[in-house]
Amino acid sequence: MSINGESADTALVVAKYFEKIWMGKNALQIEDRVNELDSVIYGNNSIKSAFDMALYDIAAQLAGQPLYQYLGGSKSKVIETDYTVSVGDATKMAADALKIKEAGFPVIKVKIGKGAPMM
């Protein structure tokens, strides 16, 4: 299923391009590596995000720190995130939202339409 024009299949193809341009390069030069992704292909932000996250994970591991600490966070900070209900049949969406609420998520994002984003 594709929400933003990307699918698992297209992500795999694009990832192989990224592999070729990064082979043998320093993963700790994060800004350079991320800029290279944009030079290979326009858009494809989901797979680019996965590669970006991988760079930070590598850097944190090499620094011997958990990622949150490497990024300046601490265990005392509470981070809340949303759980998204995907666009679909209204009855199923309502049931999904209820399950999410019952699972204890404090924030639920509900997608309400398809097409171009509204400004």
N, C-alpha and C. Protein backbone atom coordinates (compact mmCIF):
# COMPACT_ATOMS: atom_id res chain seq x y z
N MET A 1 0.84 -1.18 0.00
CA MET A 1 0.00 0.00 0.00
C MET A 1 0.89 1.25 0.00
N SER A 2 0.49 2.25 -0.73
CA SER A 2 1.26 3.48 -0.84
C SER A 2 0.42 4.66 -0.38
N ILE A 3 0.98 5.45 0.52
CA ILE A 3 0.28 6.65 0.99
C ILE A 3 0.86 7.87 0.30
N ASN A 4 2.16 7.91 0.10
CA ASN A 4 2.83 9.10 -0.42
C ASN A 4 3.51 8.85 -1.77
N GLY A 5 3.08 7.81 -2.48
CA GLY A 5 3.68 7.51 -3.77
C GLY A 5 4.80 6.51 -3.70
N GLU A 6 5.20 6.15 -2.48
CA GLU A 6 6.25 5.16 -2.29
C GLU A 6 5.62 3.84 -1.88
N SER A 7 6.26 2.77 -2.25
CA SER A 7 5.83 1.44 -1.82
C SER A 7 7.08 0.70 -1.36
N ALA A 8 6.90 -0.46 -0.78
CA ALA A 8 8.05 -1.26 -0.37
C ALA A 8 8.91 -1.59 -1.59
N ASP A 9 8.26 -1.85 -2.72
CA ASP A 9 9.00 -2.19 -3.93
C ASP A 9 9.84 -1.01 -4.43
N THR A 10 9.23 0.18 -4.49
CA THR A 10 10.00 1.33 -4.98
C THR A 10 11.09 1.71 -3.98
N ALA A 11 10.80 1.56 -2.69
CA ALA A 11 11.81 1.88 -1.67
C ALA A 11 13.02 0.98 -1.82
N LEU A 12 12.80 -0.28 -2.12
CA LEU A 12 13.92 -1.21 -2.30
C LEU A 12 14.77 -0.82 -3.50
N VAL A 13 14.14 -0.43 -4.58
CA VAL A 13 14.88 -0.01 -5.78
C VAL A 13 15.72 1.22 -5.47
N VAL A 14 15.11 2.21 -4.83
CA VAL A 14 15.82 3.45 -4.50
C VAL A 14 16.94 3.16 -3.50
N ALA A 15 16.69 2.28 -2.53
CA ALA A 15 17.71 1.93 -1.54
C ALA A 15 18.96 1.36 -2.21
N LYS A 16 18.78 0.62 -3.28
CA LYS A 16 19.93 0.06 -3.99
C LYS A 16 20.77 1.17 -4.64
N TYR A 17 20.11 2.23 -5.12
CA TYR A 17 20.85 3.39 -5.64
C TYR A 17 21.65 4.04 -4.51
N PHE A 18 21.01 4.20 -3.34
CA PHE A 18 21.68 4.82 -2.20
C PHE A 18 22.88 3.98 -1.77
N GLU A 19 22.72 2.68 -1.78
CA GLU A 19 23.82 1.79 -1.40
C GLU A 19 25.05 2.05 -2.28
N LYS A 20 24.81 2.21 -3.57
CA LYS A 20 25.92 2.43 -4.51
C LYS A 20 26.66 3.73 -4.23
N ILE A 21 25.92 4.80 -3.92
CA ILE A 21 26.61 6.08 -3.71
C ILE A 21 27.27 6.18 -2.34
N TRP A 22 26.83 5.38 -1.38
CA TRP A 22 27.39 5.45 -0.03
C TRP A 22 28.49 4.43 0.21
N MET A 23 28.61 3.45 -0.63
CA MET A 23 29.60 2.39 -0.39
C MET A 23 30.99 2.99 -0.19
N GLY A 24 31.60 2.66 0.94
CA GLY A 24 32.96 3.12 1.23
C GLY A 24 33.06 4.52 1.80
N LYS A 25 31.92 5.19 2.00
CA LYS A 25 31.96 6.56 2.52
C LYS A 25 31.73 6.57 4.03
N ASN A 26 32.13 7.65 4.66
CA ASN A 26 32.05 7.80 6.10
C ASN A 26 30.61 8.10 6.54
N ALA A 27 30.01 7.15 7.27
CA ALA A 27 28.63 7.32 7.74
C ALA A 27 28.51 8.43 8.78
N LEU A 28 29.61 8.83 9.39
CA LEU A 28 29.56 9.87 10.40
C LEU A 28 29.48 11.27 9.80
N GLN A 29 29.69 11.40 8.52
CA GLN A 29 29.51 12.69 7.83
C GLN A 29 28.05 12.77 7.39
N ILE A 30 27.19 12.88 8.39
CA ILE A 30 25.74 12.73 8.19
C ILE A 30 25.19 13.75 7.19
N GLU A 31 25.55 15.00 7.35
CA GLU A 31 25.01 16.04 6.46
C GLU A 31 25.39 15.76 5.00
N ASP A 32 26.62 15.37 4.76
CA ASP A 32 27.06 15.05 3.40
C ASP A 32 26.27 13.87 2.84
N ARG A 33 26.11 12.83 3.68
CA ARG A 33 25.40 11.64 3.20
C ARG A 33 23.94 11.96 2.87
N VAL A 34 23.29 12.73 3.71
CA VAL A 34 21.88 13.08 3.47
C VAL A 34 21.74 13.93 2.21
N ASN A 35 22.65 14.88 2.01
CA ASN A 35 22.62 15.70 0.80
C ASN A 35 22.78 14.85 -0.46
N GLU A 36 23.57 13.79 -0.35
CA GLU A 36 23.75 12.90 -1.51
C GLU A 36 22.44 12.21 -1.89
N LEU A 37 21.60 11.92 -0.92
CA LEU A 37 20.33 11.27 -1.23
C LEU A 37 19.48 12.14 -2.15
N ASP A 38 19.43 13.42 -1.85
CA ASP A 38 18.66 14.35 -2.69
C ASP A 38 19.26 14.50 -4.07
N SER A 39 20.57 14.27 -4.19
CA SER A 39 21.19 14.40 -5.51
C SER A 39 20.90 13.18 -6.40
N VAL A 40 20.46 12.09 -5.79
CA VAL A 40 20.17 10.86 -6.54
C VAL A 40 18.75 10.85 -7.07
N ILE A 41 17.79 11.28 -6.24
CA ILE A 41 16.39 11.18 -6.64
C ILE A 41 15.55 12.22 -5.90
N TYR A 42 14.57 12.75 -6.59
CA TYR A 42 13.64 13.73 -6.01
C TYR A 42 12.58 12.98 -5.20
N GLY A 43 12.13 13.58 -4.11
CA GLY A 43 11.05 12.97 -3.32
C GLY A 43 11.54 11.73 -2.60
N ASN A 44 10.70 10.69 -2.59
CA ASN A 44 11.03 9.43 -1.93
C ASN A 44 11.48 9.65 -0.49
N ASN A 45 10.73 10.49 0.22
CA ASN A 45 11.13 10.90 1.56
C ASN A 45 11.07 9.79 2.60
N SER A 46 10.23 8.79 2.39
CA SER A 46 10.17 7.71 3.38
C SER A 46 11.46 6.91 3.40
N ILE A 47 11.95 6.51 2.24
CA ILE A 47 13.19 5.73 2.21
C ILE A 47 14.38 6.61 2.59
N LYS A 48 14.34 7.89 2.21
CA LYS A 48 15.41 8.80 2.63
C LYS A 48 15.44 8.91 4.15
N SER A 49 14.26 8.97 4.74
CA SER A 49 14.17 9.05 6.20
C SER A 49 14.77 7.82 6.86
N ALA A 50 14.52 6.66 6.29
CA ALA A 50 15.08 5.41 6.84
C ALA A 50 16.60 5.45 6.81
N PHE A 51 17.16 5.94 5.73
CA PHE A 51 18.62 6.04 5.63
C PHE A 51 19.16 7.09 6.59
N ASP A 52 18.46 8.20 6.72
CA ASP A 52 18.86 9.24 7.66
C ASP A 52 18.89 8.69 9.08
N MET A 53 17.84 7.97 9.46
CA MET A 53 17.79 7.38 10.80
C MET A 53 18.92 6.37 11.01
N ALA A 54 19.23 5.62 9.98
CA ALA A 54 20.31 4.64 10.08
C ALA A 54 21.64 5.32 10.37
N LEU A 55 21.87 6.47 9.74
CA LEU A 55 23.12 7.21 9.99
C LEU A 55 23.24 7.62 11.45
N TYR A 56 22.16 8.14 12.00
CA TYR A 56 22.20 8.55 13.40
C TYR A 56 22.34 7.35 14.33
N ASP A 57 21.73 6.24 13.98
CA ASP A 57 21.87 5.03 14.78
C ASP A 57 23.33 4.55 14.78
N ILE A 58 23.95 4.57 13.61
CA ILE A 58 25.37 4.19 13.51
C ILE A 58 26.23 5.12 14.37
N ALA A 59 25.99 6.41 14.26
CA ALA A 59 26.78 7.39 15.02
C ALA A 59 26.62 7.17 16.52
N ALA A 60 25.39 6.93 16.96
CA ALA A 60 25.16 6.70 18.39
C ALA A 60 25.84 5.42 18.87
N GLN A 61 25.75 4.38 18.06
CA GLN A 61 26.41 3.12 18.44
C GLN A 61 27.92 3.31 18.55
N LEU A 62 28.50 4.00 17.58
CA LEU A 62 29.95 4.23 17.62
C LEU A 62 30.36 5.10 18.81
N ALA A 63 29.45 5.99 19.24
CA ALA A 63 29.72 6.84 20.40
C ALA A 63 29.45 6.08 21.71
N GLY A 64 28.89 4.88 21.61
CA GLY A 64 28.60 4.09 22.80
C GLY A 64 27.45 4.65 23.61
N GLN A 65 26.52 5.31 22.92
CA GLN A 65 25.39 5.93 23.60
C GLN A 65 24.07 5.45 23.01
N PRO A 66 23.02 5.43 23.83
CA PRO A 66 21.71 5.22 23.23
C PRO A 66 21.37 6.42 22.35
N LEU A 67 20.58 6.22 21.35
CA LEU A 67 20.28 7.28 20.39
C LEU A 67 19.71 8.53 21.06
N TYR A 68 18.77 8.35 21.99
CA TYR A 68 18.17 9.53 22.64
C TYR A 68 19.25 10.37 23.31
N GLN A 69 20.23 9.72 23.92
CA GLN A 69 21.31 10.45 24.61
C GLN A 69 22.22 11.12 23.58
N TYR A 70 22.55 10.41 22.53
CA TYR A 70 23.38 10.97 21.46
C TYR A 70 22.75 12.24 20.90
N LEU A 71 21.44 12.27 20.81
CA LEU A 71 20.72 13.43 20.27
C LEU A 71 20.44 14.50 21.33
N GLY A 72 20.94 14.28 22.55
CA GLY A 72 20.79 15.30 23.59
C GLY A 72 19.61 15.12 24.50
N GLY A 73 18.93 14.00 24.38
CA GLY A 73 17.77 13.75 25.22
C GLY A 73 18.15 13.09 26.53
N SER A 74 17.16 12.94 27.39
CA SER A 74 17.38 12.25 28.65
C SER A 74 16.17 11.38 28.95
N LYS A 75 16.35 10.45 29.86
CA LYS A 75 15.26 9.55 30.21
C LYS A 75 14.15 10.27 30.96
N SER A 76 14.45 11.42 31.51
CA SER A 76 13.43 12.14 32.28
C SER A 76 12.43 12.85 31.37
N LYS A 77 12.77 13.03 30.11
CA LYS A 77 11.84 13.68 29.19
C LYS A 77 10.82 12.67 28.67
N VAL A 78 9.57 13.07 28.63
CA VAL A 78 8.52 12.22 28.10
C VAL A 78 8.19 12.71 26.70
N ILE A 79 8.24 11.80 25.77
CA ILE A 79 7.91 12.13 24.39
C ILE A 79 6.60 11.44 24.03
N GLU A 80 5.63 12.22 23.63
CA GLU A 80 4.36 11.64 23.19
C GLU A 80 4.30 11.71 21.68
N THR A 81 3.78 10.68 21.09
CA THR A 81 3.61 10.65 19.65
C THR A 81 2.20 10.22 19.34
N ASP A 82 1.81 10.38 18.11
CA ASP A 82 0.46 9.99 17.73
C ASP A 82 0.46 8.60 17.11
N TYR A 83 -0.71 8.03 17.04
CA TYR A 83 -0.94 6.80 16.29
C TYR A 83 -1.94 7.19 15.21
N THR A 84 -1.62 6.91 13.97
CA THR A 84 -2.44 7.38 12.85
C THR A 84 -3.46 6.34 12.42
N VAL A 85 -4.69 6.79 12.26
CA VAL A 85 -5.75 5.98 11.67
C VAL A 85 -5.75 6.29 10.18
N SER A 86 -5.52 5.28 9.37
CA SER A 86 -5.44 5.47 7.92
C SER A 86 -6.81 5.71 7.31
N VAL A 87 -6.82 6.38 6.18
CA VAL A 87 -8.05 6.66 5.45
C VAL A 87 -8.67 5.34 5.01
N GLY A 88 -9.97 5.25 5.16
CA GLY A 88 -10.68 4.05 4.75
C GLY A 88 -12.16 4.20 5.02
N ASP A 89 -12.82 3.09 5.12
CA ASP A 89 -14.24 3.07 5.45
C ASP A 89 -14.44 3.70 6.84
N ALA A 90 -15.42 4.60 6.95
CA ALA A 90 -15.62 5.35 8.19
C ALA A 90 -15.87 4.43 9.39
N THR A 91 -16.60 3.36 9.20
CA THR A 91 -16.88 2.44 10.30
C THR A 91 -15.59 1.76 10.78
N LYS A 92 -14.77 1.33 9.85
CA LYS A 92 -13.50 0.69 10.21
C LYS A 92 -12.56 1.71 10.87
N MET A 93 -12.55 2.94 10.36
CA MET A 93 -11.70 3.97 10.95
C MET A 93 -12.11 4.23 12.40
N ALA A 94 -13.42 4.30 12.65
CA ALA A 94 -13.90 4.54 14.01
C ALA A 94 -13.50 3.38 14.93
N ALA A 95 -13.63 2.16 14.43
CA ALA A 95 -13.25 0.99 15.22
C ALA A 95 -11.74 0.99 15.49
N ASP A 96 -10.96 1.34 14.48
CA ASP A 96 -9.50 1.41 14.65
C ASP A 96 -9.14 2.46 15.69
N ALA A 97 -9.77 3.63 15.63
CA ALA A 97 -9.49 4.70 16.58
C ALA A 97 -9.82 4.26 18.01
N LEU A 98 -10.92 3.55 18.18
CA LEU A 98 -11.30 3.06 19.50
C LEU A 98 -10.27 2.06 20.03
N LYS A 99 -9.80 1.16 19.18
CA LYS A 99 -8.77 0.19 19.59
C LYS A 99 -7.49 0.91 20.00
N ILE A 100 -7.13 1.94 19.25
CA ILE A 100 -5.93 2.71 19.55
C ILE A 100 -6.07 3.41 20.90
N LYS A 101 -7.24 4.00 21.13
CA LYS A 101 -7.50 4.67 22.41
C LYS A 101 -7.43 3.67 23.55
N GLU A 102 -8.05 2.52 23.36
CA GLU A 102 -8.04 1.49 24.41
C GLU A 102 -6.65 0.94 24.67
N ALA A 103 -5.77 1.01 23.67
CA ALA A 103 -4.39 0.56 23.84
C ALA A 103 -3.56 1.56 24.63
N GLY A 104 -4.14 2.75 24.89
CA GLY A 104 -3.48 3.72 25.73
C GLY A 104 -2.73 4.84 25.04
N PHE A 105 -2.90 4.95 23.72
CA PHE A 105 -2.21 6.04 23.02
C PHE A 105 -2.87 7.37 23.38
N PRO A 106 -2.06 8.37 23.77
CA PRO A 106 -2.64 9.65 24.21
C PRO A 106 -3.06 10.56 23.06
N VAL A 107 -2.55 10.32 21.87
CA VAL A 107 -2.85 11.17 20.72
C VAL A 107 -3.17 10.28 19.53
N ILE A 108 -4.30 10.59 18.88
CA ILE A 108 -4.70 9.83 17.68
C ILE A 108 -4.85 10.82 16.54
N LYS A 109 -4.16 10.54 15.43
CA LYS A 109 -4.29 11.35 14.22
C LYS A 109 -5.18 10.58 13.26
N VAL A 110 -6.19 11.25 12.74
CA VAL A 110 -7.13 10.60 11.83
C VAL A 110 -7.01 11.24 10.46
N LYS A 111 -6.67 10.43 9.47
CA LYS A 111 -6.62 10.90 8.09
C LYS A 111 -8.06 11.03 7.59
N ILE A 112 -8.39 12.16 6.99
CA ILE A 112 -9.79 12.36 6.62
C ILE A 112 -10.05 12.45 5.12
N GLY A 113 -9.03 12.34 4.31
CA GLY A 113 -9.28 12.42 2.88
C GLY A 113 -8.06 12.08 2.08
N LYS A 114 -8.28 11.88 0.80
CA LYS A 114 -7.19 11.58 -0.10
C LYS A 114 -7.04 12.73 -1.08
N GLY A 115 -5.90 12.78 -1.74
CA GLY A 115 -5.69 13.80 -2.75
C GLY A 115 -4.68 14.82 -2.29
N ALA A 116 -4.69 15.96 -2.96
CA ALA A 116 -3.72 17.01 -2.70
C ALA A 116 -3.91 17.57 -1.29
N PRO A 117 -2.82 17.90 -0.61
CA PRO A 117 -2.95 18.49 0.73
C PRO A 117 -3.63 19.85 0.66
N MET A 118 -4.40 20.14 1.68
CA MET A 118 -5.08 21.44 1.76
C MET A 118 -4.14 22.45 2.37
N MET A 119 -4.17 23.66 1.89
CA MET A 119 -3.32 24.72 2.42
C MET A 119 -4.10 25.59 3.37
